Amino acid sequence: MKDLNYNVGDIVELKKEHPCSARSKLFEVVRIGADIKIKCLGCGNLLMLTRDNFNHRLKKIVSKKN
């Protein structure tokens, strides 16, 4: 099972890239609740995903916020 201990400010990598011009797979976790809000590090767009959908798309946690 994946490590699902992510917090606000963590940088995560998703399985698929964001369809922006940067084609980035890296996102910053902005808000955690029933939904997860993440920000694309390529273009800056904000995305809202359900917690289940986010956990399914999560590939790995790149860096933790200290």
PDB file of N, CA and C in Angstrom:
ATOM      1  N   MET A   1       0.837  -1.185   0.000  1.00  0.00           N
ATOM      2  CA  MET A   1       0.000   0.000   0.000  1.00  0.00           C
ATOM      3  C   MET A   1       0.883   1.250   0.000  1.00  0.00           C
ATOM      4  N   LYS A   2       0.389   2.299  -0.629  1.00  0.00           N
ATOM      5  CA  LYS A   2       1.131   3.540  -0.749  1.00  0.00           C
ATOM      6  C   LYS A   2       1.167   4.294   0.576  1.00  0.00           C
ATOM      7  N   ASP A   3       2.197   5.122   0.732  1.00  0.00           N
ATOM      8  CA  ASP A   3       2.281   6.027   1.874  1.00  0.00           C
ATOM      9  C   ASP A   3       1.315   7.182   1.628  1.00  0.00           C
ATOM     10  N   LEU A   4       0.230   7.235   2.382  1.00  0.00           N
ATOM     11  CA  LEU A   4      -0.789   8.261   2.175  1.00  0.00           C
ATOM     12  C   LEU A   4      -0.718   9.340   3.246  1.00  0.00           C
ATOM     13  N   ASN A   5       0.463   9.563   3.809  1.00  0.00           N
ATOM     14  CA  ASN A   5       0.633  10.595   4.819  1.00  0.00           C
ATOM     15  C   ASN A   5       1.134  11.874   4.164  1.00  0.00           C
ATOM     16  N   TYR A   6       0.236  12.627   3.554  1.00  0.00           N
ATOM     17  CA  TYR A   6       0.578  13.881   2.914  1.00  0.00           C
ATOM     18  C   TYR A   6      -0.057  15.017   3.694  1.00  0.00           C
ATOM     19  N   ASN A   7       0.580  16.176   3.632  1.00  0.00           N
ATOM     20  CA  ASN A   7       0.116  17.359   4.350  1.00  0.00           C
ATOM     21  C   ASN A   7       0.126  18.553   3.410  1.00  0.00           C
ATOM     22  N   VAL A   8      -0.425  19.670   3.876  1.00  0.00           N
ATOM     23  CA  VAL A   8      -0.429  20.906   3.102  1.00  0.00           C
ATOM     24  C   VAL A   8       1.016  21.352   2.897  1.00  0.00           C
ATOM     25  N   GLY A   9       1.360  21.702   1.676  1.00  0.00           N
ATOM     26  CA  GLY A   9       2.699  22.153   1.337  1.00  0.00           C
ATOM     27  C   GLY A   9       3.579  21.072   0.741  1.00  0.00           C
ATOM     28  N   ASP A  10       3.153  19.814   0.803  1.00  0.00           N
ATOM     29  CA  ASP A  10       3.939  18.723   0.226  1.00  0.00           C
ATOM     30  C   ASP A  10       3.884  18.778  -1.299  1.00  0.00           C
ATOM     31  N   ILE A  11       4.958  18.346  -1.942  1.00  0.00           N
ATOM     32  CA  ILE A  11       5.013  18.225  -3.397  1.00  0.00           C
ATOM     33  C   ILE A  11       4.784  16.758  -3.737  1.00  0.00           C
ATOM     34  N   VAL A  12       3.783  16.490  -4.573  1.00  0.00           N
ATOM     35  CA  VAL A  12       3.436  15.119  -4.934  1.00  0.00           C
ATOM     36  C   VAL A  12       3.526  14.943  -6.447  1.00  0.00           C
ATOM     37  N   GLU A  13       3.735  13.695  -6.858  1.00  0.00           N
ATOM     38  CA  GLU A  13       3.757  13.349  -8.275  1.00  0.00           C
ATOM     39  C   GLU A  13       2.547  12.469  -8.561  1.00  0.00           C
ATOM     40  N   LEU A  14       1.777  12.834  -9.591  1.00  0.00           N
ATOM     41  CA  LEU A  14       0.619  12.050  -9.980  1.00  0.00           C
ATOM     42  C   LEU A  14       0.994  11.121 -11.134  1.00  0.00           C
ATOM     43  N   LYS A  15       0.133  10.146 -11.403  1.00  0.00           N
ATOM     44  CA  LYS A  15       0.402   9.168 -12.456  1.00  0.00           C
ATOM     45  C   LYS A  15       0.363   9.790 -13.850  1.00  0.00           C
ATOM     46  N   LYS A  16      -0.579  10.700 -14.065  1.00  0.00           N
ATOM     47  CA  LYS A  16      -0.716  11.341 -15.375  1.00  0.00           C
ATOM     48  C   LYS A  16      -0.336  12.810 -15.272  1.00  0.00           C
ATOM     49  N   GLU A  17       0.143  13.353 -16.372  1.00  0.00           N
ATOM     50  CA  GLU A  17       0.556  14.751 -16.384  1.00  0.00           C
ATOM     51  C   GLU A  17      -0.641  15.671 -16.569  1.00  0.00           C
ATOM     52  N   HIS A  18      -0.493  16.912 -16.110  1.00  0.00           N
ATOM     53  CA  HIS A  18      -1.526  17.929 -16.280  1.00  0.00           C
ATOM     54  C   HIS A  18      -1.504  18.396 -17.735  1.00  0.00           C
ATOM     55  N   PRO A  19      -2.661  18.517 -18.366  1.00  0.00           N
ATOM     56  CA  PRO A  19      -2.689  18.881 -19.794  1.00  0.00           C
ATOM     57  C   PRO A  19      -2.449  20.379 -20.044  1.00  0.00           C
ATOM     58  N   CYS A  20      -1.421  20.944 -19.402  1.00  0.00           N
ATOM     59  CA  CYS A  20      -1.064  22.342 -19.643  1.00  0.00           C
ATOM     60  C   CYS A  20       0.164  22.371 -20.552  1.00  0.00           C
ATOM     61  N   SER A  21       0.648  23.534 -20.857  1.00  0.00           N
ATOM     62  CA  SER A  21       1.794  23.645 -21.751  1.00  0.00           C
ATOM     63  C   SER A  21       3.071  23.069 -21.133  1.00  0.00           C
ATOM     64  N   ALA A  22       3.159  23.037 -19.803  1.00  0.00           N
ATOM     65  CA  ALA A  22       4.359  22.521 -19.136  1.00  0.00           C
ATOM     66  C   ALA A  22       4.348  20.999 -19.031  1.00  0.00           C
ATOM     67  N   ARG A  23       3.184  20.373 -19.149  1.00  0.00           N
ATOM     68  CA  ARG A  23       3.039  18.914 -19.070  1.00  0.00           C
ATOM     69  C   ARG A  23       3.643  18.367 -17.768  1.00  0.00           C
ATOM     70  N   SER A  24       3.399  19.059 -16.667  1.00  0.00           N
ATOM     71  CA  SER A  24       3.990  18.708 -15.380  1.00  0.00           C
ATOM     72  C   SER A  24       3.187  17.620 -14.671  1.00  0.00           C
ATOM     73  N   LYS A  25       3.883  16.720 -13.971  1.00  0.00           N
ATOM     74  CA  LYS A  25       3.258  15.717 -13.127  1.00  0.00           C
ATOM     75  C   LYS A  25       3.373  16.097 -11.654  1.00  0.00           C
ATOM     76  N   LEU A  26       4.033  17.224 -11.373  1.00  0.00           N
ATOM     77  CA  LEU A  26       4.269  17.654 -10.003  1.00  0.00           C
ATOM     78  C   LEU A  26       3.229  18.672  -9.565  1.00  0.00           C
ATOM     79  N   PHE A  27       2.715  18.468  -8.362  1.00  0.00           N
ATOM     80  CA  PHE A  27       1.683  19.327  -7.804  1.00  0.00           C
ATOM     81  C   PHE A  27       1.989  19.611  -6.340  1.00  0.00           C
ATOM     82  N   GLU A  28       1.536  20.768  -5.860  1.00  0.00           N
ATOM     83  CA  GLU A  28       1.658  21.122  -4.451  1.00  0.00           C
ATOM     84  C   GLU A  28       0.291  20.982  -3.799  1.00  0.00           C
ATOM     85  N   VAL A  29       0.239  20.333  -2.640  1.00  0.00           N
ATOM     86  CA  VAL A  29      -1.011  20.182  -1.904  1.00  0.00           C
ATOM     87  C   VAL A  29      -1.312  21.517  -1.231  1.00  0.00           C
ATOM     88  N   VAL A  30      -2.478  22.111  -1.559  1.00  0.00           N
ATOM     89  CA  VAL A  30      -2.848  23.423  -1.043  1.00  0.00           C
ATOM     90  C   VAL A  30      -3.833  23.307   0.112  1.00  0.00           C
ATOM     91  N   ARG A  31      -4.789  22.381   0.023  1.00  0.00           N
ATOM     92  CA  ARG A  31      -5.814  22.231   1.057  1.00  0.00           C
ATOM     93  C   ARG A  31      -6.206  20.768   1.163  1.00  0.00           C
ATOM     94  N   ILE A  32      -6.454  20.329   2.401  1.00  0.00           N
ATOM     95  CA  ILE A  32      -6.888  18.959   2.648  1.00  0.00           C
ATOM     96  C   ILE A  32      -8.175  19.001   3.455  1.00  0.00           C
ATOM     97  N   GLY A  33      -9.155  18.260   2.993  1.00  0.00           N
ATOM     98  CA  GLY A  33     -10.438  18.130   3.672  1.00  0.00           C
ATOM     99  C   GLY A  33     -11.132  16.929   3.067  1.00  0.00           C
ATOM    100  N   ALA A  34     -12.435  17.022   2.869  1.00  0.00           N
ATOM    101  CA  ALA A  34     -13.138  15.964   2.150  1.00  0.00           C
ATOM    102  C   ALA A  34     -12.631  15.913   0.712  1.00  0.00           C
ATOM    103  N   ASP A  35     -12.279  17.091   0.185  1.00  0.00           N
ATOM    104  CA  ASP A  35     -11.651  17.213  -1.128  1.00  0.00           C
ATOM    105  C   ASP A  35     -10.212  17.659  -0.927  1.00  0.00           C
ATOM    106  N   ILE A  36      -9.371  17.377  -1.909  1.00  0.00           N
ATOM    107  CA  ILE A  36      -7.967  17.789  -1.887  1.00  0.00           C
ATOM    108  C   ILE A  36      -7.785  18.837  -2.977  1.00  0.00           C
ATOM    109  N   LYS A  37      -7.215  19.988  -2.615  1.00  0.00           N
ATOM    110  CA  LYS A  37      -6.919  21.028  -3.598  1.00  0.00           C
ATOM    111  C   LYS A  37      -5.420  20.986  -3.857  1.00  0.00           C
ATOM    112  N   ILE A  38      -5.055  20.871  -5.146  1.00  0.00           N
ATOM    113  CA  ILE A  38      -3.651  20.832  -5.526  1.00  0.00           C
ATOM    114  C   ILE A  38      -3.375  21.904  -6.580  1.00  0.00           C
ATOM    115  N   LYS A  39      -2.111  22.361  -6.633  1.00  0.00           N
ATOM    116  CA  LYS A  39      -1.707  23.386  -7.582  1.00  0.00           C
ATOM    117  C   LYS A  39      -0.642  22.812  -8.503  1.00  0.00           C
ATOM    118  N   CYS A  40      -0.853  22.938  -9.803  1.00  0.00           N
ATOM    119  CA  CYS A  40       0.118  22.481 -10.798  1.00  0.00           C
ATOM    120  C   CYS A  40       1.364  23.359 -10.702  1.00  0.00           C
ATOM    121  N   LEU A  41       2.522  22.731 -10.592  1.00  0.00           N
ATOM    122  CA  LEU A  41       3.764  23.497 -10.502  1.00  0.00           C
ATOM    123  C   LEU A  41       4.250  23.974 -11.861  1.00  0.00           C
ATOM    124  N   GLY A  42       3.606  23.532 -12.940  1.00  0.00           N
ATOM    125  CA  GLY A  42       3.968  23.993 -14.277  1.00  0.00           C
ATOM    126  C   GLY A  42       3.261  25.276 -14.656  1.00  0.00           C
ATOM    127  N   CYS A  43       1.933  25.305 -14.467  1.00  0.00           N
ATOM    128  CA  CYS A  43       1.155  26.467 -14.914  1.00  0.00           C
ATOM    129  C   CYS A  43       0.490  27.234 -13.774  1.00  0.00           C
ATOM    130  N   GLY A  44       0.384  26.637 -12.595  1.00  0.00           N
ATOM    131  CA  GLY A  44      -0.207  27.335 -11.456  1.00  0.00           C
ATOM    132  C   GLY A  44      -1.699  27.144 -11.294  1.00  0.00           C
ATOM    133  N   ASN A  45      -2.339  26.359 -12.154  1.00  0.00           N
ATOM    134  CA  ASN A  45      -3.778  26.114 -12.030  1.00  0.00           C
ATOM    135  C   ASN A  45      -4.084  25.307 -10.777  1.00  0.00           C
ATOM    136  N   LEU A  46      -5.242  25.586 -10.174  1.00  0.00           N
ATOM    137  CA  LEU A  46      -5.696  24.851  -9.002  1.00  0.00           C
ATOM    138  C   LEU A  46      -6.708  23.800  -9.417  1.00  0.00           C
ATOM    139  N   LEU A  47      -6.589  22.607  -8.846  1.00  0.00           N
ATOM    140  CA  LEU A  47      -7.497  21.502  -9.136  1.00  0.00           C
ATOM    141  C   LEU A  47      -8.084  20.996  -7.831  1.00  0.00           C
ATOM    142  N   MET A  48      -9.370  20.631  -7.856  1.00  0.00           N
ATOM    143  CA  MET A  48     -10.019  20.015  -6.703  1.00  0.00           C
ATOM    144  C   MET A  48     -10.323  18.569  -7.063  1.00  0.00           C
ATOM    145  N   LEU A  49      -9.856  17.642  -6.246  1.00  0.00           N
ATOM    146  CA  LEU A  49     -10.110  16.220  -6.443  1.00  0.00           C
ATOM    147  C   LEU A  49     -10.708  15.655  -5.164  1.00  0.00           C
ATOM    148  N   THR A  50     -11.577  14.669  -5.317  1.00  0.00           N
ATOM    149  CA  THR A  50     -12.049  13.974  -4.123  1.00  0.00           C
ATOM    150  C   THR A  50     -10.876  13.218  -3.521  1.00  0.00           C
ATOM    151  N   ARG A  51     -10.955  12.923  -2.244  1.00  0.00           N
ATOM    152  CA  ARG A  51      -9.853  12.234  -1.566  1.00  0.00           C
ATOM    153  C   ARG A  51      -9.579  10.865  -2.204  1.00  0.00           C
ATOM    154  N   ASP A  52     -10.643  10.127  -2.542  1.00  0.00           N
ATOM    155  CA  ASP A  52     -10.474   8.816  -3.181  1.00  0.00           C
ATOM    156  C   ASP A  52      -9.802   8.944  -4.542  1.00  0.00           C
ATOM    157  N   ASN A  53     -10.233   9.915  -5.342  1.00  0.00           N
ATOM    158  CA  ASN A  53      -9.659  10.135  -6.660  1.00  0.00           C
ATOM    159  C   ASN A  53      -8.188  10.542  -6.545  1.00  0.00           C
ATOM    160  N   PHE A  54      -7.882  11.419  -5.595  1.00  0.00           N
ATOM    161  CA  PHE A  54      -6.503  11.844  -5.380  1.00  0.00           C
ATOM    162  C   PHE A  54      -5.624  10.669  -4.969  1.00  0.00           C
ATOM    163  N   ASN A  55      -6.104   9.849  -4.032  1.00  0.00           N
ATOM    164  CA  ASN A  55      -5.331   8.686  -3.578  1.00  0.00           C
ATOM    165  C   ASN A  55      -5.085   7.699  -4.712  1.00  0.00           C
ATOM    166  N   HIS A  56      -6.053   7.578  -5.617  1.00  0.00           N
ATOM    167  CA  HIS A  56      -5.897   6.685  -6.770  1.00  0.00           C
ATOM    168  C   HIS A  56      -4.865   7.227  -7.758  1.00  0.00           C
ATOM    169  N   ARG A  57      -4.844   8.547  -7.954  1.00  0.00           N
ATOM    170  CA  ARG A  57      -3.932   9.164  -8.928  1.00  0.00           C
ATOM    171  C   ARG A  57      -2.521   9.385  -8.387  1.00  0.00           C
ATOM    172  N   LEU A  58      -2.353   9.360  -7.070  1.00  0.00           N
ATOM    173  CA  LEU A  58      -1.065   9.633  -6.446  1.00  0.00           C
ATOM    174  C   LEU A  58      -0.042   8.552  -6.788  1.00  0.00           C
ATOM    175  N   LYS A  59       1.124   8.985  -7.269  1.00  0.00           N
ATOM    176  CA  LYS A  59       2.204   8.053  -7.570  1.00  0.00           C
ATOM    177  C   LYS A  59       3.202   8.022  -6.408  1.00  0.00           C
ATOM    178  N   LYS A  60       3.685   9.202  -5.988  1.00  0.00           N
ATOM    179  CA  LYS A  60       4.594   9.270  -4.851  1.00  0.00           C
ATOM    180  C   LYS A  60       4.647  10.691  -4.299  1.00  0.00           C
ATOM    181  N   ILE A  61       5.143  10.805  -3.084  1.00  0.00           N
ATOM    182  CA  ILE A  61       5.376  12.089  -2.454  1.00  0.00           C
ATOM    183  C   ILE A  61       6.836  12.448  -2.722  1.00  0.00           C
ATOM    184  N   VAL A  62       7.050  13.550  -3.441  1.00  0.00           N
ATOM    185  CA  VAL A  62       8.392  13.945  -3.856  1.00  0.00           C
ATOM    186  C   VAL A  62       9.140  14.585  -2.693  1.00  0.00           C
ATOM    187  N   SER A  63       8.513  15.565  -2.031  1.00  0.00           N
ATOM    188  CA  SER A  63       9.159  16.215  -0.899  1.00  0.00           C
ATOM    189  C   SER A  63       8.114  16.621   0.123  1.00  0.00           C
ATOM    190  N   LYS A  64       8.510  16.548   1.377  1.00  0.00           N
ATOM    191  CA  LYS A  64       7.646  16.932   2.487  1.00  0.00           C
ATOM    192  C   LYS A  64       7.990  18.354   2.898  1.00  0.00           C
ATOM    193  N   LYS A  65       6.983  19.115   3.341  1.00  0.00           N
ATOM    194  CA  LYS A  65       7.225  20.445   3.875  1.00  0.00           C
ATOM    195  C   LYS A  65       7.701  20.286   5.312  1.00  0.00           C
ATOM    196  N   ASN A  66       8.747  20.992   5.656  1.00  0.00           N
ATOM    197  CA  ASN A  66       9.287  20.895   7.028  1.00  0.00           C
ATOM    198  C   ASN A  66       8.658  21.916   7.934  1.00  0.00           C
TER     199      ASN A  66
END
